[in-house]
């Protein structure tokens, strides 16, 4: 297993919380080093570890723990801009066929007299 960095968001409100996280990470196999930032509630762990195992270990402290969100978003944005133009391209063709059918409804004069009886009912 190669060395990697795992970044977690951990709900720490005091030095006692920091101490609890230090204790569990200190006992965890494969951890080479870790950094705890209470202001950002950020825990960075480096070593021969699996992200899920680090998450489970820190969760044992009873603190709300999740993967740091800033690590995941960078991959999705390149995919989104590509999908948006294709969605726009799909929207444009239906607009063109719609320009043909409106001629047909305007050719149907019976559609206009129908509202008149409903108007008469409303006045009565």
PDB file of N, CA and C in Angstrom:
ATOM      1  N   UNK A   1       0.848  -1.172   0.000  1.00  0.00           N
ATOM      2  CA  UNK A   1       0.000   0.000   0.000  1.00  0.00           C
ATOM      3  C   UNK A   1       0.898   1.241   0.000  1.00  0.00           C
ATOM      4  N   UNK A   2       0.585   2.204  -0.846  1.00  0.00           N
ATOM      5  CA  UNK A   2       1.432   3.386  -0.917  1.00  0.00           C
ATOM      6  C   UNK A   2       0.954   4.453   0.067  1.00  0.00           C
ATOM      7  N   UNK A   3       1.873   5.354   0.391  1.00  0.00           N
ATOM      8  CA  UNK A   3       1.548   6.427   1.321  1.00  0.00           C
ATOM      9  C   UNK A   3       0.571   7.397   0.661  1.00  0.00           C
ATOM     10  N   UNK A   4      -0.430   7.808   1.416  1.00  0.00           N
ATOM     11  CA  UNK A   4      -1.389   8.767   0.887  1.00  0.00           C
ATOM     12  C   UNK A   4      -1.853   9.711   1.990  1.00  0.00           C
ATOM     13  N   UNK A   5      -2.545  10.759   1.566  1.00  0.00           N
ATOM     14  CA  UNK A   5      -3.031  11.759   2.501  1.00  0.00           C
ATOM     15  C   UNK A   5      -4.555  11.695   2.545  1.00  0.00           C
ATOM     16  N   UNK A   6      -5.102  11.659   3.751  1.00  0.00           N
ATOM     17  CA  UNK A   6      -6.550  11.635   3.951  1.00  0.00           C
ATOM     18  C   UNK A   6      -6.917  12.891   4.729  1.00  0.00           C
ATOM     19  N   UNK A   7      -7.898  13.637   4.207  1.00  0.00           N
ATOM     20  CA  UNK A   7      -8.316  14.872   4.871  1.00  0.00           C
ATOM     21  C   UNK A   7      -9.760  14.708   5.331  1.00  0.00           C
ATOM     22  N   UNK A   8      -9.979  14.953   6.632  1.00  0.00           N
ATOM     23  CA  UNK A   8     -11.303  14.790   7.222  1.00  0.00           C
ATOM     24  C   UNK A   8     -11.788  16.089   7.850  1.00  0.00           C
ATOM     25  N   UNK A   9     -13.104  16.241   7.896  1.00  0.00           N
ATOM     26  CA  UNK A   9     -13.711  17.328   8.663  1.00  0.00           C
ATOM     27  C   UNK A   9     -14.231  16.679   9.937  1.00  0.00           C
ATOM     28  N   UNK A  10     -13.749  17.157  11.081  1.00  0.00           N
ATOM     29  CA  UNK A  10     -14.103  16.551  12.364  1.00  0.00           C
ATOM     30  C   UNK A  10     -14.647  17.639  13.280  1.00  0.00           C
ATOM     31  N   UNK A  11     -15.827  17.421  13.841  1.00  0.00           N
ATOM     32  CA  UNK A  11     -16.449  18.394  14.731  1.00  0.00           C
ATOM     33  C   UNK A  11     -15.743  18.457  16.069  1.00  0.00           C
ATOM     34  N   UNK A  12     -14.743  19.327  16.172  1.00  0.00           N
ATOM     35  CA  UNK A  12     -13.967  19.477  17.410  1.00  0.00           C
ATOM     36  C   UNK A  12     -14.224  20.873  17.975  1.00  0.00           C
ATOM     37  N   UNK A  13     -14.641  20.935  19.238  1.00  0.00           N
ATOM     38  CA  UNK A  13     -14.952  22.232  19.839  1.00  0.00           C
ATOM     39  C   UNK A  13     -13.975  22.634  20.947  1.00  0.00           C
ATOM     40  N   UNK A  14     -13.101  21.706  21.355  1.00  0.00           N
ATOM     41  CA  UNK A  14     -12.186  22.022  22.457  1.00  0.00           C
ATOM     42  C   UNK A  14     -10.925  21.178  22.343  1.00  0.00           C
ATOM     43  N   UNK A  15      -9.970  21.449  23.226  1.00  0.00           N
ATOM     44  CA  UNK A  15      -8.721  20.693  23.216  1.00  0.00           C
ATOM     45  C   UNK A  15      -8.937  19.230  23.612  1.00  0.00           C
ATOM     46  N   UNK A  16      -9.999  18.979  24.368  1.00  0.00           N
ATOM     47  CA  UNK A  16     -10.327  17.589  24.711  1.00  0.00           C
ATOM     48  C   UNK A  16     -10.679  16.796  23.467  1.00  0.00           C
ATOM     49  N   UNK A  17     -11.404  17.461  22.552  1.00  0.00           N
ATOM     50  CA  UNK A  17     -11.764  16.808  21.285  1.00  0.00           C
ATOM     51  C   UNK A  17     -10.499  16.514  20.482  1.00  0.00           C
ATOM     52  N   UNK A  18      -9.611  17.490  20.447  1.00  0.00           N
ATOM     53  CA  UNK A  18      -8.352  17.326  19.720  1.00  0.00           C
ATOM     54  C   UNK A  18      -7.566  16.162  20.326  1.00  0.00           C
ATOM     55  N   UNK A  19      -7.538  16.088  21.645  1.00  0.00           N
ATOM     56  CA  UNK A  19      -6.833  15.007  22.320  1.00  0.00           C
ATOM     57  C   UNK A  19      -7.397  13.650  21.972  1.00  0.00           C
ATOM     58  N   UNK A  20      -8.722  13.548  21.883  1.00  0.00           N
ATOM     59  CA  UNK A  20      -9.354  12.269  21.541  1.00  0.00           C
ATOM     60  C   UNK A  20      -8.948  11.830  20.133  1.00  0.00           C
ATOM     61  N   UNK A  21      -8.932  12.777  19.198  1.00  0.00           N
ATOM     62  CA  UNK A  21      -8.547  12.451  17.824  1.00  0.00           C
ATOM     63  C   UNK A  21      -7.071  12.047  17.785  1.00  0.00           C
ATOM     64  N   UNK A  22      -6.213  12.770  18.531  1.00  0.00           N
ATOM     65  CA  UNK A  22      -4.789  12.418  18.587  1.00  0.00           C
ATOM     66  C   UNK A  22      -4.595  11.007  19.109  1.00  0.00           C
ATOM     67  N   UNK A  23      -5.352  10.633  20.146  1.00  0.00           N
ATOM     68  CA  UNK A  23      -5.206   9.299  20.741  1.00  0.00           C
ATOM     69  C   UNK A  23      -5.514   8.197  19.737  1.00  0.00           C
ATOM     70  N   UNK A  24      -6.653   8.325  19.020  1.00  0.00           N
ATOM     71  CA  UNK A  24      -7.030   7.239  18.103  1.00  0.00           C
ATOM     72  C   UNK A  24      -6.093   7.173  16.906  1.00  0.00           C
ATOM     73  N   UNK A  25      -5.644   8.342  16.416  1.00  0.00           N
ATOM     74  CA  UNK A  25      -4.725   8.325  15.272  1.00  0.00           C
ATOM     75  C   UNK A  25      -3.349   7.817  15.687  1.00  0.00           C
ATOM     76  N   UNK A  26      -2.952   8.109  16.915  1.00  0.00           N
ATOM     77  CA  UNK A  26      -1.664   7.625  17.410  1.00  0.00           C
ATOM     78  C   UNK A  26      -1.605   6.116  17.519  1.00  0.00           C
ATOM     79  N   UNK A  27      -2.746   5.484  17.746  1.00  0.00           N
ATOM     80  CA  UNK A  27      -2.811   4.017  17.871  1.00  0.00           C
ATOM     81  C   UNK A  27      -3.022   3.330  16.527  1.00  0.00           C
ATOM     82  N   UNK A  28      -3.433   4.093  15.518  1.00  0.00           N
ATOM     83  CA  UNK A  28      -3.778   3.487  14.227  1.00  0.00           C
ATOM     84  C   UNK A  28      -2.529   3.053  13.465  1.00  0.00           C
ATOM     85  N   UNK A  29      -2.567   1.835  12.933  1.00  0.00           N
ATOM     86  CA  UNK A  29      -1.431   1.319  12.165  1.00  0.00           C
ATOM     87  C   UNK A  29      -1.341   2.024  10.818  1.00  0.00           C
ATOM     88  N   UNK A  30      -0.121   2.284  10.381  1.00  0.00           N
ATOM     89  CA  UNK A  30       0.101   2.877   9.066  1.00  0.00           C
ATOM     90  C   UNK A  30       0.181   4.398   9.072  1.00  0.00           C
ATOM     91  N   UNK A  31      -0.240   5.039  10.163  1.00  0.00           N
ATOM     92  CA  UNK A  31      -0.210   6.506  10.222  1.00  0.00           C
ATOM     93  C   UNK A  31       1.227   6.968  10.424  1.00  0.00           C
ATOM     94  N   UNK A  32       1.710   7.800   9.497  1.00  0.00           N
ATOM     95  CA  UNK A  32       3.069   8.346   9.596  1.00  0.00           C
ATOM     96  C   UNK A  32       3.050   9.689  10.313  1.00  0.00           C
ATOM     97  N   UNK A  33       2.052  10.508   9.976  1.00  0.00           N
ATOM     98  CA  UNK A  33       1.915  11.806  10.626  1.00  0.00           C
ATOM     99  C   UNK A  33       0.480  12.300  10.470  1.00  0.00           C
ATOM    100  N   UNK A  34       0.106  13.264  11.327  1.00  0.00           N
ATOM    101  CA  UNK A  34      -1.216  13.874  11.189  1.00  0.00           C
ATOM    102  C   UNK A  34      -1.171  15.296  11.702  1.00  0.00           C
ATOM    103  N   UNK A  35      -2.078  16.108  11.163  1.00  0.00           N
ATOM    104  CA  UNK A  35      -2.162  17.504  11.563  1.00  0.00           C
ATOM    105  C   UNK A  35      -3.619  17.789  11.918  1.00  0.00           C
ATOM    106  N   UNK A  36      -3.817  18.440  13.062  1.00  0.00           N
ATOM    107  CA  UNK A  36      -5.175  18.745  13.514  1.00  0.00           C
ATOM    108  C   UNK A  36      -5.328  20.259  13.618  1.00  0.00           C
ATOM    109  N   UNK A  37      -6.306  20.791  12.882  1.00  0.00           N
ATOM    110  CA  UNK A  37      -6.576  22.228  12.893  1.00  0.00           C
ATOM    111  C   UNK A  37      -7.968  22.436  13.480  1.00  0.00           C
ATOM    112  N   UNK A  38      -8.039  22.850  14.752  1.00  0.00           N
ATOM    113  CA  UNK A  38      -9.333  22.978  15.429  1.00  0.00           C
ATOM    114  C   UNK A  38     -10.154  24.135  14.856  1.00  0.00           C
ATOM    115  N   UNK A  39      -9.496  25.215  14.397  1.00  0.00           N
ATOM    116  CA  UNK A  39     -10.245  26.344  13.845  1.00  0.00           C
ATOM    117  C   UNK A  39     -11.021  25.939  12.596  1.00  0.00           C
ATOM    118  N   UNK A  40     -10.366  25.191  11.713  1.00  0.00           N
ATOM    119  CA  UNK A  40     -11.021  24.744  10.479  1.00  0.00           C
ATOM    120  C   UNK A  40     -11.742  23.410  10.675  1.00  0.00           C
ATOM    121  N   UNK A  41     -11.568  22.782  11.844  1.00  0.00           N
ATOM    122  CA  UNK A  41     -12.096  21.444  12.122  1.00  0.00           C
ATOM    123  C   UNK A  41     -11.634  20.461  11.048  1.00  0.00           C
ATOM    124  N   UNK A  42     -10.340  20.566  10.749  1.00  0.00           N
ATOM    125  CA  UNK A  42      -9.725  19.785   9.680  1.00  0.00           C
ATOM    126  C   UNK A  42      -8.637  18.890  10.240  1.00  0.00           C
ATOM    127  N   UNK A  43      -8.678  17.611   9.856  1.00  0.00           N
ATOM    128  CA  UNK A  43      -7.669  16.642  10.280  1.00  0.00           C
ATOM    129  C   UNK A  43      -7.038  16.060   9.017  1.00  0.00           C
ATOM    130  N   UNK A  44      -5.719  16.207   8.902  1.00  0.00           N
ATOM    131  CA  UNK A  44      -4.987  15.678   7.751  1.00  0.00           C
ATOM    132  C   UNK A  44      -4.112  14.532   8.236  1.00  0.00           C
ATOM    133  N   UNK A  45      -4.293  13.362   7.646  1.00  0.00           N
ATOM    134  CA  UNK A  45      -3.556  12.164   8.056  1.00  0.00           C
ATOM    135  C   UNK A  45      -2.712  11.679   6.873  1.00  0.00           C
ATOM    136  N   UNK A  46      -1.422  11.420   7.122  1.00  0.00           N
ATOM    137  CA  UNK A  46      -0.536  10.905   6.085  1.00  0.00           C
ATOM    138  C   UNK A  46       0.001   9.551   6.524  1.00  0.00           C
ATOM    139  N   UNK A  47       0.058   8.640   5.563  1.00  0.00           N
ATOM    140  CA  UNK A  47       0.617   7.333   5.879  1.00  0.00           C
ATOM    141  C   UNK A  47       0.099   6.256   4.955  1.00  0.00           C
ATOM    142  N   UNK A  48       0.450   5.023   5.289  1.00  0.00           N
ATOM    143  CA  UNK A  48      -0.018   3.866   4.535  1.00  0.00           C
ATOM    144  C   UNK A  48      -1.369   3.438   5.096  1.00  0.00           C
ATOM    145  N   UNK A  49      -2.384   4.234   4.759  1.00  0.00           N
ATOM    146  CA  UNK A  49      -3.717   4.035   5.331  1.00  0.00           C
ATOM    147  C   UNK A  49      -4.779   4.077   4.236  1.00  0.00           C
ATOM    148  N   UNK A  50      -5.926   3.494   4.541  1.00  0.00           N
ATOM    149  CA  UNK A  50      -7.081   3.549   3.652  1.00  0.00           C
ATOM    150  C   UNK A  50      -8.003   4.658   4.152  1.00  0.00           C
ATOM    151  N   UNK A  51      -8.513   5.528   3.271  1.00  0.00           N
ATOM    152  CA  UNK A  51      -9.396   6.615   3.703  1.00  0.00           C
ATOM    153  C   UNK A  51     -10.575   6.151   4.559  1.00  0.00           C
ATOM    154  N   UNK A  52     -11.224   5.061   4.177  1.00  0.00           N
ATOM    155  CA  UNK A  52     -12.382   4.577   4.951  1.00  0.00           C
ATOM    156  C   UNK A  52     -11.976   4.148   6.363  1.00  0.00           C
ATOM    157  N   UNK A  53     -10.796   3.541   6.484  1.00  0.00           N
ATOM    158  CA  UNK A  53     -10.333   3.109   7.805  1.00  0.00           C
ATOM    159  C   UNK A  53     -10.034   4.306   8.702  1.00  0.00           C
ATOM    160  N   UNK A  54      -9.444   5.355   8.112  1.00  0.00           N
ATOM    161  CA  UNK A  54      -9.157   6.563   8.891  1.00  0.00           C
ATOM    162  C   UNK A  54     -10.474   7.190   9.348  1.00  0.00           C
ATOM    163  N   UNK A  55     -11.448   7.269   8.439  1.00  0.00           N
ATOM    164  CA  UNK A  55     -12.762   7.836   8.778  1.00  0.00           C
ATOM    165  C   UNK A  55     -13.407   7.046   9.914  1.00  0.00           C
ATOM    166  N   UNK A  56     -13.388   5.721   9.821  1.00  0.00           N
ATOM    167  CA  UNK A  56     -13.994   4.888  10.870  1.00  0.00           C
ATOM    168  C   UNK A  56     -13.275   5.060  12.205  1.00  0.00           C
ATOM    169  N   UNK A  57     -11.953   5.139  12.161  1.00  0.00           N
ATOM    170  CA  UNK A  57     -11.170   5.286  13.394  1.00  0.00           C
ATOM    171  C   UNK A  57     -11.494   6.599  14.091  1.00  0.00           C
ATOM    172  N   UNK A  58     -11.523   7.695  13.345  1.00  0.00           N
ATOM    173  CA  UNK A  58     -11.797   9.000  13.946  1.00  0.00           C
ATOM    174  C   UNK A  58     -13.251   9.076  14.400  1.00  0.00           C
ATOM    175  N   UNK A  59     -14.155   8.403  13.702  1.00  0.00           N
ATOM    176  CA  UNK A  59     -15.571   8.394  14.091  1.00  0.00           C
ATOM    177  C   UNK A  59     -15.749   7.761  15.474  1.00  0.00           C
ATOM    178  N   UNK A  60     -14.852   6.842  15.833  1.00  0.00           N
ATOM    179  CA  UNK A  60     -14.937   6.186  17.149  1.00  0.00           C
ATOM    180  C   UNK A  60     -14.815   7.179  18.301  1.00  0.00           C
ATOM    181  N   UNK A  61     -14.287   8.380  18.041  1.00  0.00           N
ATOM    182  CA  UNK A  61     -14.169   9.384  19.101  1.00  0.00           C
ATOM    183  C   UNK A  61     -15.530   9.955  19.482  1.00  0.00           C
ATOM    184  N   UNK A  62     -16.544   9.693  18.657  1.00  0.00           N
ATOM    185  CA  UNK A  62     -17.876  10.246  18.916  1.00  0.00           C
ATOM    186  C   UNK A  62     -18.067  11.607  18.282  1.00  0.00           C
ATOM    187  N   UNK A  63     -17.051  12.100  17.594  1.00  0.00           N
ATOM    188  CA  UNK A  63     -17.143  13.403  16.931  1.00  0.00           C
ATOM    189  C   UNK A  63     -17.735  13.216  15.540  1.00  0.00           C
ATOM    190  N   UNK A  64     -18.483  14.219  15.096  1.00  0.00           N
ATOM    191  CA  UNK A  64     -19.040  14.159  13.741  1.00  0.00           C
ATOM    192  C   UNK A  64     -17.883  14.216  12.757  1.00  0.00           C
ATOM    193  N   UNK A  65     -17.766  13.184  11.931  1.00  0.00           N
ATOM    194  CA  UNK A  65     -16.619  13.047  11.033  1.00  0.00           C
ATOM    195  C   UNK A  65     -17.083  12.775   9.611  1.00  0.00           C
ATOM    196  N   UNK A  66     -16.451  13.466   8.665  1.00  0.00           N
ATOM    197  CA  UNK A  66     -16.745  13.223   7.244  1.00  0.00           C
ATOM    198  C   UNK A  66     -15.504  13.561   6.435  1.00  0.00           C
ATOM    199  N   UNK A  67     -15.483  13.116   5.175  1.00  0.00           N
ATOM    200  CA  UNK A  67     -14.359  13.469   4.319  1.00  0.00           C
ATOM    201  C   UNK A  67     -14.420  14.954   4.019  1.00  0.00           C
ATOM    202  N   UNK A  68     -13.265  15.592   3.935  1.00  0.00           N
ATOM    203  CA  UNK A  68     -13.199  17.027   3.648  1.00  0.00           C
ATOM    204  C   UNK A  68     -13.747  17.237   2.246  1.00  0.00           C
ATOM    205  N   UNK A  69     -14.764  18.083   2.105  1.00  0.00           N
ATOM    206  CA  UNK A  69     -15.473  18.224   0.836  1.00  0.00           C
ATOM    207  C   UNK A  69     -14.639  18.848  -0.273  1.00  0.00           C
ATOM    208  N   UNK A  70     -13.676  19.685   0.063  1.00  0.00           N
ATOM    209  CA  UNK A  70     -12.887  20.351  -0.976  1.00  0.00           C
ATOM    210  C   UNK A  70     -12.048  19.358  -1.774  1.00  0.00           C
ATOM    211  N   UNK A  71     -11.886  18.131  -1.267  1.00  0.00           N
ATOM    212  CA  UNK A  71     -11.099  17.132  -1.985  1.00  0.00           C
ATOM    213  C   UNK A  71     -11.875  16.557  -3.171  1.00  0.00           C
ATOM    214  N   UNK A  72     -13.194  16.465  -3.065  1.00  0.00           N
ATOM    215  CA  UNK A  72     -13.984  15.821  -4.104  1.00  0.00           C
ATOM    216  C   UNK A  72     -14.405  16.738  -5.255  1.00  0.00           C
ATOM    217  N   UNK A  73     -14.843  17.976  -5.022  1.00  0.00           N
ATOM    218  CA  UNK A  73     -15.377  18.787  -6.114  1.00  0.00           C
ATOM    219  C   UNK A  73     -14.499  19.003  -7.342  1.00  0.00           C
ATOM    220  N   UNK A  74     -13.174  19.122  -7.266  1.00  0.00           N
ATOM    221  CA  UNK A  74     -12.419  19.396  -8.490  1.00  0.00           C
ATOM    222  C   UNK A  74     -12.699  18.461  -9.667  1.00  0.00           C
ATOM    223  N   UNK A  75     -12.832  17.136  -9.504  1.00  0.00           N
ATOM    224  CA  UNK A  75     -13.132  16.307 -10.676  1.00  0.00           C
ATOM    225  C   UNK A  75     -14.476  16.606 -11.347  1.00  0.00           C
ATOM    226  N   UNK A  76     -15.590  16.797 -10.623  1.00  0.00           N
ATOM    227  CA  UNK A  76     -16.864  17.021 -11.301  1.00  0.00           C
ATOM    228  C   UNK A  76     -16.948  18.263 -12.191  1.00  0.00           C
ATOM    229  N   UNK A  77     -16.415  19.430 -11.824  1.00  0.00           N
ATOM    230  CA  UNK A  77     -16.601  20.599 -12.678  1.00  0.00           C
ATOM    231  C   UNK A  77     -16.235  20.416 -14.145  1.00  0.00           C
ATOM    232  N   UNK A  78     -15.147  19.728 -14.514  1.00  0.00           N
ATOM    233  CA  UNK A  78     -14.891  19.550 -15.951  1.00  0.00           C
ATOM    234  C   UNK A  78     -16.013  18.801 -16.656  1.00  0.00           C
ATOM    235  N   UNK A  79     -16.676  17.872 -15.976  1.00  0.00           N
ATOM    236  CA  UNK A  79     -17.748  17.108 -16.610  1.00  0.00           C
ATOM    237  C   UNK A  79     -19.006  17.958 -16.784  1.00  0.00           C
ATOM    238  N   UNK A  80     -19.279  18.855 -15.847  1.00  0.00           N
ATOM    239  CA  UNK A  80     -20.490  19.660 -15.920  1.00  0.00           C
ATOM    240  C   UNK A  80     -20.505  20.594 -17.132  1.00  0.00           C
ATOM    241  N   UNK A  81     -19.442  21.373 -17.381  1.00  0.00           N
ATOM    242  CA  UNK A  81     -19.489  22.251 -18.552  1.00  0.00           C
ATOM    243  C   UNK A  81     -19.696  21.487 -19.848  1.00  0.00           C
ATOM    244  N   UNK A  82     -19.161  20.268 -19.944  1.00  0.00           N
ATOM    245  CA  UNK A  82     -19.354  19.482 -21.154  1.00  0.00           C
ATOM    246  C   UNK A  82     -20.805  19.056 -21.307  1.00  0.00           C
ATOM    247  N   UNK A  83     -21.469  18.709 -20.197  1.00  0.00           N
ATOM    248  CA  UNK A  83     -22.847  18.254 -20.280  1.00  0.00           C
ATOM    249  C   UNK A  83     -23.809  19.401 -20.540  1.00  0.00           C
ATOM    250  N   UNK A  84     -23.462  20.612 -20.108  1.00  0.00           N
ATOM    251  CA  UNK A  84     -24.352  21.763 -20.309  1.00  0.00           C
ATOM    252  C   UNK A  84     -24.504  22.083 -21.787  1.00  0.00           C
ATOM    253  N   UNK A  85     -23.396  22.196 -22.561  1.00  0.00           N
ATOM    254  CA  UNK A  85     -23.581  22.479 -23.994  1.00  0.00           C
ATOM    255  C   UNK A  85     -24.384  21.400 -24.697  1.00  0.00           C
ATOM    256  N   UNK A  86     -24.194  20.130 -24.331  1.00  0.00           N
ATOM    257  CA  UNK A  86     -24.949  19.077 -24.986  1.00  0.00           C
ATOM    258  C   UNK A  86     -26.427  19.184 -24.627  1.00  0.00           C
ATOM    259  N   UNK A  87     -26.733  19.641 -23.398  1.00  0.00           N
ATOM    260  CA  UNK A  87     -28.124  19.839 -23.005  1.00  0.00           C
ATOM    261  C   UNK A  87     -28.729  20.982 -23.796  1.00  0.00           C
ATOM    262  N   UNK A  88     -27.962  22.034 -24.015  1.00  0.00           N
ATOM    263  CA  UNK A  88     -28.454  23.154 -24.808  1.00  0.00           C
ATOM    264  C   UNK A  88     -28.676  22.711 -26.247  1.00  0.00           C
ATOM    265  N   UNK A  89     -27.791  21.887 -26.756  1.00  0.00           N
ATOM    266  CA  UNK A  89     -27.940  21.398 -28.120  1.00  0.00           C
ATOM    267  C   UNK A  89     -29.217  20.579 -28.247  1.00  0.00           C
ATOM    268  N   UNK A  90     -29.569  19.837 -27.213  1.00  0.00           N
ATOM    269  CA  UNK A  90     -30.793  19.056 -27.240  1.00  0.00           C
ATOM    270  C   UNK A  90     -32.024  19.945 -27.163  1.00  0.00           C
ATOM    271  N   UNK A  91     -31.915  21.074 -26.478  1.00  0.00           N
ATOM    272  CA  UNK A  91     -33.057  21.971 -26.348  1.00  0.00           C
ATOM    273  C   UNK A  91     -33.353  22.693 -27.653  1.00  0.00           C
ATOM    274  N   UNK A  92     -32.336  23.013 -28.445  1.00  0.00           N
ATOM    275  CA  UNK A  92     -32.543  23.781 -29.659  1.00  0.00           C
ATOM    276  C   UNK A  92     -33.352  23.039 -30.720  1.00  0.00           C
ATOM    277  N   UNK A  93     -33.089  21.758 -31.018  1.00  0.00           N
ATOM    278  CA  UNK A  93     -33.882  21.086 -32.048  1.00  0.00           C
ATOM    279  C   UNK A  93     -35.387  21.065 -31.774  1.00  0.00           C
ATOM    280  N   UNK A  94     -35.858  20.832 -30.533  1.00  0.00           N
ATOM    281  CA  UNK A  94     -37.309  20.860 -30.319  1.00  0.00           C
ATOM    282  C   UNK A  94     -37.917  22.221 -30.639  1.00  0.00           C
ATOM    283  N   UNK A  95     -37.169  23.304 -30.458  1.00  0.00           N
ATOM    284  CA  UNK A  95     -37.709  24.631 -30.736  1.00  0.00           C
ATOM    285  C   UNK A  95     -38.003  24.783 -32.221  1.00  0.00           C
ATOM    286  N   UNK A  96     -37.173  24.236 -33.075  1.00  0.00           N
ATOM    287  CA  UNK A  96     -37.372  24.354 -34.510  1.00  0.00           C
ATOM    288  C   UNK A  96     -38.626  23.601 -34.972  1.00  0.00           C
ATOM    289  N   UNK A  97     -38.827  22.345 -34.525  1.00  0.00           N
ATOM    290  CA  UNK A  97     -40.064  21.648 -34.926  1.00  0.00           C
ATOM    291  C   UNK A  97     -41.309  22.345 -34.391  1.00  0.00           C
ATOM    292  N   UNK A  98     -41.201  22.998 -33.227  1.00  0.00           N
ATOM    293  CA  UNK A  98     -42.356  23.668 -32.661  1.00  0.00           C
ATOM    294  C   UNK A  98     -42.794  24.833 -33.542  1.00  0.00           C
ATOM    295  N   UNK A  99     -41.859  25.431 -34.281  1.00  0.00           N
ATOM    296  CA  UNK A  99     -42.229  26.562 -35.129  1.00  0.00           C
ATOM    297  C   UNK A  99     -43.143  26.105 -36.261  1.00  0.00           C
ATOM    298  N   UNK A 100     -43.074  24.831 -36.666  1.00  0.00           N
ATOM    299  CA  UNK A 100     -43.964  24.315 -37.709  1.00  0.00           C
ATOM    300  C   UNK A 100     -45.363  24.067 -37.182  1.00  0.00           C
ATOM    301  N   UNK A 101     -45.547  23.360 -36.081  1.00  0.00           N
ATOM    302  CA  UNK A 101     -46.889  23.064 -35.572  1.00  0.00           C
ATOM    303  C   UNK A 101     -47.735  24.285 -35.211  1.00  0.00           C
ATOM    304  N   UNK A 102     -47.192  25.400 -34.735  1.00  0.00           N
ATOM    305  CA  UNK A 102     -48.074  26.526 -34.413  1.00  0.00           C
ATOM    306  C   UNK A 102     -48.919  26.978 -35.591  1.00  0.00           C
ATOM    307  N   UNK A 103     -48.474  26.724 -36.826  1.00  0.00           N
ATOM    308  CA  UNK A 103     -49.286  27.095 -37.987  1.00  0.00           C
ATOM    309  C   UNK A 103     -50.570  26.281 -37.999  1.00  0.00           C
ATOM    310  N   UNK A 104     -50.516  25.048 -37.543  1.00  0.00           N
ATOM    311  CA  UNK A 104     -51.700  24.204 -37.535  1.00  0.00           C
ATOM    312  C   UNK A 104     -52.748  24.678 -36.527  1.00  0.00           C
ATOM    313  N   UNK A 105     -52.369  24.989 -35.284  1.00  0.00           N
ATOM    314  CA  UNK A 105     -53.386  25.481 -34.349  1.00  0.00           C
ATOM    315  C   UNK A 105     -54.015  26.789 -34.820  1.00  0.00           C
ATOM    316  N   UNK A 106     -53.251  27.674 -35.474  1.00  0.00           N
ATOM    317  CA  UNK A 106     -53.826  28.920 -35.945  1.00  0.00           C
ATOM    318  C   UNK A 106     -54.784  28.661 -37.098  1.00  0.00           C
ATOM    319  N   UNK A 107     -54.617  27.526 -37.804  1.00  0.00           N
ATOM    320  CA  UNK A 107     -55.515  27.179 -38.896  1.00  0.00           C
ATOM    321  C   UNK A 107     -56.813  26.582 -38.372  1.00  0.00           C
ATOM    322  N   UNK A 108     -56.886  26.338 -37.081  1.00  0.00           N
ATOM    323  CA  UNK A 108     -58.099  25.771 -36.498  1.00  0.00           C
ATOM    324  C   UNK A 108     -58.967  26.882 -35.900  1.00  0.00           C
ATOM    325  N   UNK A 109     -59.907  27.427 -36.652  1.00  0.00           N
ATOM    326  CA  UNK A 109     -60.760  28.490 -36.122  1.00  0.00           C
ATOM    327  C   UNK A 109     -61.708  28.038 -35.010  1.00  0.00           C
ATOM    328  N   UNK A 110     -62.135  26.784 -34.955  1.00  0.00           N
ATOM    329  CA  UNK A 110     -63.069  26.395 -33.878  1.00  0.00           C
ATOM    330  C   UNK A 110     -62.491  26.593 -32.478  1.00  0.00           C
ATOM    331  N   UNK A 111     -61.181  26.694 -32.343  1.00  0.00           N
ATOM    332  CA  UNK A 111     -60.583  26.867 -31.024  1.00  0.00           C
ATOM    333  C   UNK A 111     -60.973  28.215 -30.431  1.00  0.00           C
ATOM    334  N   UNK A 112     -61.191  29.244 -31.230  1.00  0.00           N
ATOM    335  CA  UNK A 112     -61.545  30.561 -30.709  1.00  0.00           C
ATOM    336  C   UNK A 112     -62.993  30.627 -30.214  1.00  0.00           C
ATOM    337  N   UNK A 113     -63.969  30.073 -30.897  1.00  0.00           N
ATOM    338  CA  UNK A 113     -65.349  30.149 -30.391  1.00  0.00           C
ATOM    339  C   UNK A 113     -65.555  29.423 -29.067  1.00  0.00           C
ATOM    340  N   UNK A 114     -64.756  28.432 -28.761  1.00  0.00           N
ATOM    341  CA  UNK A 114     -64.933  27.690 -27.507  1.00  0.00           C
ATOM    342  C   UNK A 114     -64.836  28.603 -26.285  1.00  0.00           C
ATOM    343  N   UNK A 115     -63.919  29.534 -26.215  1.00  0.00           N
ATOM    344  CA  UNK A 115     -63.875  30.388 -25.028  1.00  0.00           C
ATOM    345  C   UNK A 115     -65.126  31.259 -24.850  1.00  0.00           C
ATOM    346  N   UNK A 116     -65.837  31.571 -25.936  1.00  0.00           N
ATOM    347  CA  UNK A 116     -67.015  32.432 -25.832  1.00  0.00           C
ATOM    348  C   UNK A 116     -68.103  31.797 -24.947  1.00  0.00           C
ATOM    349  N   UNK A 117     -68.462  30.524 -25.114  1.00  0.00           N
ATOM    350  CA  UNK A 117     -69.483  29.952 -24.233  1.00  0.00           C
ATOM    351  C   UNK A 117     -69.036  29.982 -22.763  1.00  0.00           C
ATOM    352  N   UNK A 118     -67.760  29.753 -22.512  1.00  0.00           N
ATOM    353  CA  UNK A 118     -67.306  29.797 -21.131  1.00  0.00           C
ATOM    354  C   UNK A 118     -67.418  31.227 -20.595  1.00  0.00           C
ATOM    355  N   UNK A 119     -67.226  32.220 -21.443  1.00  0.00           N
ATOM    356  CA  UNK A 119     -67.369  33.620 -21.033  1.00  0.00           C
ATOM    357  C   UNK A 119     -68.836  33.900 -20.732  1.00  0.00           C
ATOM    358  N   UNK A 120     -69.719  33.350 -21.575  1.00  0.00           N
ATOM    359  CA  UNK A 120     -71.151  33.548 -21.344  1.00  0.00           C
ATOM    360  C   UNK A 120     -71.568  32.910 -20.026  1.00  0.00           C
ATOM    361  N   UNK A 121     -71.024  31.758 -19.717  1.00  0.00           N
ATOM    362  CA  UNK A 121     -71.349  31.103 -18.471  1.00  0.00           C
ATOM    363  C   UNK A 121     -70.852  31.942 -17.297  1.00  0.00           C
ATOM    364  N   UNK A 122     -69.717  32.565 -17.471  1.00  0.00           N
ATOM    365  CA  UNK A 122     -69.159  33.382 -16.402  1.00  0.00           C
ATOM    366  C   UNK A 122     -70.007  34.616 -16.159  1.00  0.00           C
ATOM    367  N   UNK A 123     -70.585  35.215 -17.213  1.00  0.00           N
ATOM    368  CA  UNK A 123     -71.405  36.412 -17.055  1.00  0.00           C
ATOM    369  C   UNK A 123     -72.780  36.063 -16.508  1.00  0.00           C
ATOM    370  N   UNK A 124     -73.276  34.861 -16.797  1.00  0.00           N
ATOM    371  CA  UNK A 124     -74.596  34.469 -16.330  1.00  0.00           C
ATOM    372  C   UNK A 124     -74.532  34.088 -14.902  1.00  0.00           C
TER     373      UNK A 124
END
